[in-house]
Each structure stands twice: as structure tokens, then as C-alpha cells.
Amino acid sequence: MYLEDILSVCLQGLNSRYPDHVIDINLEIMVVPEIDPKGWKADELIRHLNEKAPHFLQKMARMIIDSCETDIYLLDVSEETPALWLHCQGKLPPCHEHQKAQKVGRKNMFVKP
């Protein structure tokens, strides 16, 4: 899979084509405040970037997923060093719950009879 579009479209495409994926962030390329660099899902990352660094979602990106490479590059930053490392084939690393506080709050709303 090869897609060149803004980052938000690339992440949506990843989510659509590979629902079981994990994303790791290269903090040398994407400097985002208050972010854990490992274990993201695309929809979670879009929400977080929309809050903390929305300009990244509008940057032109190149997503490459083939047998040799699974990365997303931000074209105006670096075409040689990936901004995001994608895990969508084979054995996947664990996905973290970055919205844990919200999920805990929802669980407390339901009372068992």
C-alpha cells in the first residue's frame, strides 16, 4: 500500500485497511507535548494530535506498507527518516490505552444489579 496525502488521511487509510495495527511515534521528527511514543491506534492518535498539535494532521505525508517497510514520512520534515513506525503485519507489539482515564470513568457509570 502506498498513499501520499495529508497525515490525517494516511492514518484513516491505515485504520480502514489494517484495523489491527499499532503505531509508534518518532519523537525526533514529531515533537508533540505530553505524548507516549508507543502503542497508538490511528483513531486515538488523530484525536490526540487534534488536541495537542493539529498542524501535524495537515502535513503532507507518505505512507508505505509493503514487505520491506511499514512507515509514514512527513514530507516537509524528512523523506528519509520516518515520523511514524507502523506495525500492521505479523506479530504486533502491544497497544496501550492512552485514553484510560476516560474509560475508567465510563465503567463507574454502570451499576450491576
C-alpha atoms as a PDB file:
ATOM      1  CA  MET A   1       0.000   0.000   0.000  1.00  0.00           C
ATOM      2  CA  TYR A   2       1.298   3.418  -0.956  1.00  0.00           C
ATOM      3  CA  LEU A   3      -0.540   6.625  -0.113  1.00  0.00           C
ATOM      4  CA  GLU A   4       0.593  10.221  -0.379  1.00  0.00           C
ATOM      5  CA  ASP A   5      -1.814  12.678   1.231  1.00  0.00           C
ATOM      6  CA  ILE A   6      -2.138  14.690   4.437  1.00  0.00           C
ATOM      7  CA  LEU A   7      -1.317  12.778   7.630  1.00  0.00           C
ATOM      8  CA  SER A   8      -4.933  12.534   8.824  1.00  0.00           C
ATOM      9  CA  VAL A   9      -5.955  10.815   5.559  1.00  0.00           C
ATOM     10  CA  CYS A  10      -2.999   8.411   5.789  1.00  0.00           C
ATOM     11  CA  LEU A  11      -3.963   7.478   9.353  1.00  0.00           C
ATOM     12  CA  GLN A  12      -7.599   6.971   8.351  1.00  0.00           C
ATOM     13  CA  GLY A  13      -6.470   4.764   5.465  1.00  0.00           C
ATOM     14  CA  LEU A  14      -4.305   2.718   7.817  1.00  0.00           C
ATOM     15  CA  ASN A  15      -7.219   2.290  10.209  1.00  0.00           C
ATOM     16  CA  SER A  16      -9.517   1.216   7.383  1.00  0.00           C
ATOM     17  CA  ARG A  17      -7.152  -1.217   5.676  1.00  0.00           C
ATOM     18  CA  TYR A  18      -5.394  -2.620   8.769  1.00  0.00           C
ATOM     19  CA  PRO A  19      -7.750  -2.394  11.775  1.00  0.00           C
ATOM     20  CA  ASP A  20      -5.282  -4.443  13.856  1.00  0.00           C
ATOM     21  CA  HIS A  21      -2.346  -2.057  13.814  1.00  0.00           C
ATOM     22  CA  VAL A  22      -0.063  -0.314  16.287  1.00  0.00           C
ATOM     23  CA  ILE A  23       1.748   2.986  15.705  1.00  0.00           C
ATOM     24  CA  ASP A  24       4.973   4.166  17.331  1.00  0.00           C
ATOM     25  CA  ILE A  25       5.976   7.839  17.079  1.00  0.00           C
ATOM     26  CA  ASN A  26       9.473   9.034  16.222  1.00  0.00           C
ATOM     27  CA  LEU A  27       9.853  11.918  18.675  1.00  0.00           C
ATOM     28  CA  GLU A  28      12.881  13.205  16.769  1.00  0.00           C
ATOM     29  CA  ILE A  29      10.573  14.036  13.842  1.00  0.00           C
ATOM     30  CA  MET A  30       7.263  14.753  15.597  1.00  0.00           C
ATOM     31  CA  VAL A  31       7.713  16.915  18.675  1.00  0.00           C
ATOM     32  CA  VAL A  32       4.358  16.679  20.426  1.00  0.00           C
ATOM     33  CA  PRO A  33       3.770  17.720  24.051  1.00  0.00           C
ATOM     34  CA  GLU A  34       2.529  15.134  26.535  1.00  0.00           C
ATOM     35  CA  ILE A  35       2.754  12.089  24.293  1.00  0.00           C
ATOM     36  CA  ASP A  36       3.747   8.498  24.880  1.00  0.00           C
ATOM     37  CA  PRO A  37       5.654   7.429  21.763  1.00  0.00           C
ATOM     38  CA  LYS A  38       4.499   3.794  21.722  1.00  0.00           C
ATOM     39  CA  GLY A  39       1.371   1.767  21.208  1.00  0.00           C
ATOM     40  CA  TRP A  40      -1.119   4.031  19.414  1.00  0.00           C
ATOM     41  CA  LYS A  41      -4.151   3.217  17.289  1.00  0.00           C
ATOM     42  CA  ALA A  42      -4.794   5.600  14.379  1.00  0.00           C
ATOM     43  CA  ASP A  43      -8.085   6.993  15.685  1.00  0.00           C
ATOM     44  CA  GLU A  44      -6.553   7.618  19.126  1.00  0.00           C
ATOM     45  CA  LEU A  45      -3.547   9.364  17.588  1.00  0.00           C
ATOM     46  CA  ILE A  46      -5.776  11.564  15.409  1.00  0.00           C
ATOM     47  CA  ARG A  47      -7.743  12.668  18.487  1.00  0.00           C
ATOM     48  CA  HIS A  48      -4.570  13.370  20.479  1.00  0.00           C
ATOM     49  CA  LEU A  49      -2.895  15.301  17.667  1.00  0.00           C
ATOM     50  CA  ASN A  50      -6.083  17.253  17.076  1.00  0.00           C
ATOM     51  CA  GLU A  51      -5.894  18.452  20.705  1.00  0.00           C
ATOM     52  CA  LYS A  52      -2.130  18.936  21.160  1.00  0.00           C
ATOM     53  CA  ALA A  53      -0.630  19.529  17.706  1.00  0.00           C
ATOM     54  CA  PRO A  54      -3.289  19.857  14.975  1.00  0.00           C
ATOM     55  CA  HIS A  55      -0.801  21.242  12.455  1.00  0.00           C
ATOM     56  CA  PHE A  56       0.714  17.746  12.080  1.00  0.00           C
ATOM     57  CA  LEU A  57      -2.578  16.340  10.767  1.00  0.00           C
ATOM     58  CA  GLN A  58      -2.449  18.756   7.810  1.00  0.00           C
ATOM     59  CA  LYS A  59       1.159  17.998   6.809  1.00  0.00           C
ATOM     60  CA  MET A  60       1.773  16.106   3.582  1.00  0.00           C
ATOM     61  CA  ALA A  61       2.724  12.519   4.347  1.00  0.00           C
ATOM     62  CA  ARG A  62       3.778   9.379   2.525  1.00  0.00           C
ATOM     63  CA  MET A  63       2.610   6.046   3.903  1.00  0.00           C
ATOM     64  CA  ILE A  64       4.409   2.941   2.679  1.00  0.00           C
ATOM     65  CA  ILE A  65       3.298  -0.546   3.653  1.00  0.00           C
ATOM     66  CA  ASP A  66       4.969  -3.417   1.839  1.00  0.00           C
ATOM     67  CA  SER A  67       7.052  -6.469   2.646  1.00  0.00           C
ATOM     68  CA  CYS A  68      10.139  -4.332   3.413  1.00  0.00           C
ATOM     69  CA  GLU A  69       8.778  -1.179   5.007  1.00  0.00           C
ATOM     70  CA  THR A  70       5.821  -0.006   7.100  1.00  0.00           C
ATOM     71  CA  ASP A  71       6.294   3.692   7.813  1.00  0.00           C
ATOM     72  CA  ILE A  72       4.812   7.150   7.432  1.00  0.00           C
ATOM     73  CA  TYR A  73       7.064  10.056   6.450  1.00  0.00           C
ATOM     74  CA  LEU A  74       6.241  13.739   6.848  1.00  0.00           C
ATOM     75  CA  LEU A  75       7.468  15.067   3.516  1.00  0.00           C
ATOM     76  CA  ASP A  76       8.341  18.598   4.599  1.00  0.00           C
ATOM     77  CA  VAL A  77      10.362  17.282   7.564  1.00  0.00           C
ATOM     78  CA  SER A  78      12.186  14.217   6.259  1.00  0.00           C
ATOM     79  CA  GLU A  79      11.743  11.828   3.358  1.00  0.00           C
ATOM     80  CA  GLU A  80      14.469   9.556   4.752  1.00  0.00           C
ATOM     81  CA  THR A  81      13.545   9.224   8.447  1.00  0.00           C
ATOM     82  CA  PRO A  82      10.034   8.016   9.286  1.00  0.00           C
ATOM     83  CA  ALA A  83       7.812  10.084  11.553  1.00  0.00           C
ATOM     84  CA  LEU A  84       5.690   7.056  12.424  1.00  0.00           C
ATOM     85  CA  TRP A  85       6.574   3.387  12.525  1.00  0.00           C
ATOM     86  CA  LEU A  86       3.630   1.167  11.678  1.00  0.00           C
ATOM     87  CA  HIS A  87       3.085  -2.367  12.905  1.00  0.00           C
ATOM     88  CA  CYS A  88       0.307  -3.951  10.870  1.00  0.00           C
ATOM     89  CA  GLN A  89       1.685  -7.256   9.607  1.00  0.00           C
ATOM     90  CA  GLY A  90       2.920 -10.280  11.511  1.00  0.00           C
ATOM     91  CA  LYS A  91       3.416 -10.146  15.262  1.00  0.00           C
ATOM     92  CA  LEU A  92       2.275  -6.794  16.657  1.00  0.00           C
ATOM     93  CA  PRO A  93       3.601  -5.042  19.767  1.00  0.00           C
ATOM     94  CA  PRO A  94       1.069  -4.285  22.498  1.00  0.00           C
ATOM     95  CA  CYS A  95      -1.314  -1.386  22.064  1.00  0.00           C
ATOM     96  CA  HIS A  96      -1.517   0.960  25.067  1.00  0.00           C
ATOM     97  CA  GLU A  97      -4.686   2.548  26.376  1.00  0.00           C
ATOM     98  CA  HIS A  98      -3.931   6.245  26.035  1.00  0.00           C
ATOM     99  CA  GLN A  99      -7.484   7.244  26.971  1.00  0.00           C
ATOM    100  CA  LYS A 100      -7.573   5.100  30.121  1.00  0.00           C
ATOM    101  CA  ALA A 101      -8.922   7.830  32.427  1.00  0.00           C
ATOM    102  CA  GLN A 102     -11.980   8.340  30.234  1.00  0.00           C
ATOM    103  CA  LYS A 103     -12.673   4.593  30.015  1.00  0.00           C
ATOM    104  CA  VAL A 104     -12.427   4.177  33.793  1.00  0.00           C
ATOM    105  CA  GLY A 105     -14.953   6.966  34.259  1.00  0.00           C
ATOM    106  CA  ARG A 106     -17.396   5.228  31.916  1.00  0.00           C
ATOM    107  CA  LYS A 107     -17.089   1.910  33.752  1.00  0.00           C
ATOM    108  CA  ASN A 108     -18.084   3.551  37.018  1.00  0.00           C
ATOM    109  CA  MET A 109     -21.322   4.774  35.452  1.00  0.00           C
ATOM    110  CA  PHE A 110     -22.738   1.241  35.173  1.00  0.00           C
ATOM    111  CA  VAL A 111     -24.013  -0.421  38.324  1.00  0.00           C
ATOM    112  CA  LYS A 112     -24.588  -4.162  38.429  1.00  0.00           C
ATOM    113  CA  PRO A 113     -27.982  -5.173  39.873  1.00  0.00           C
END
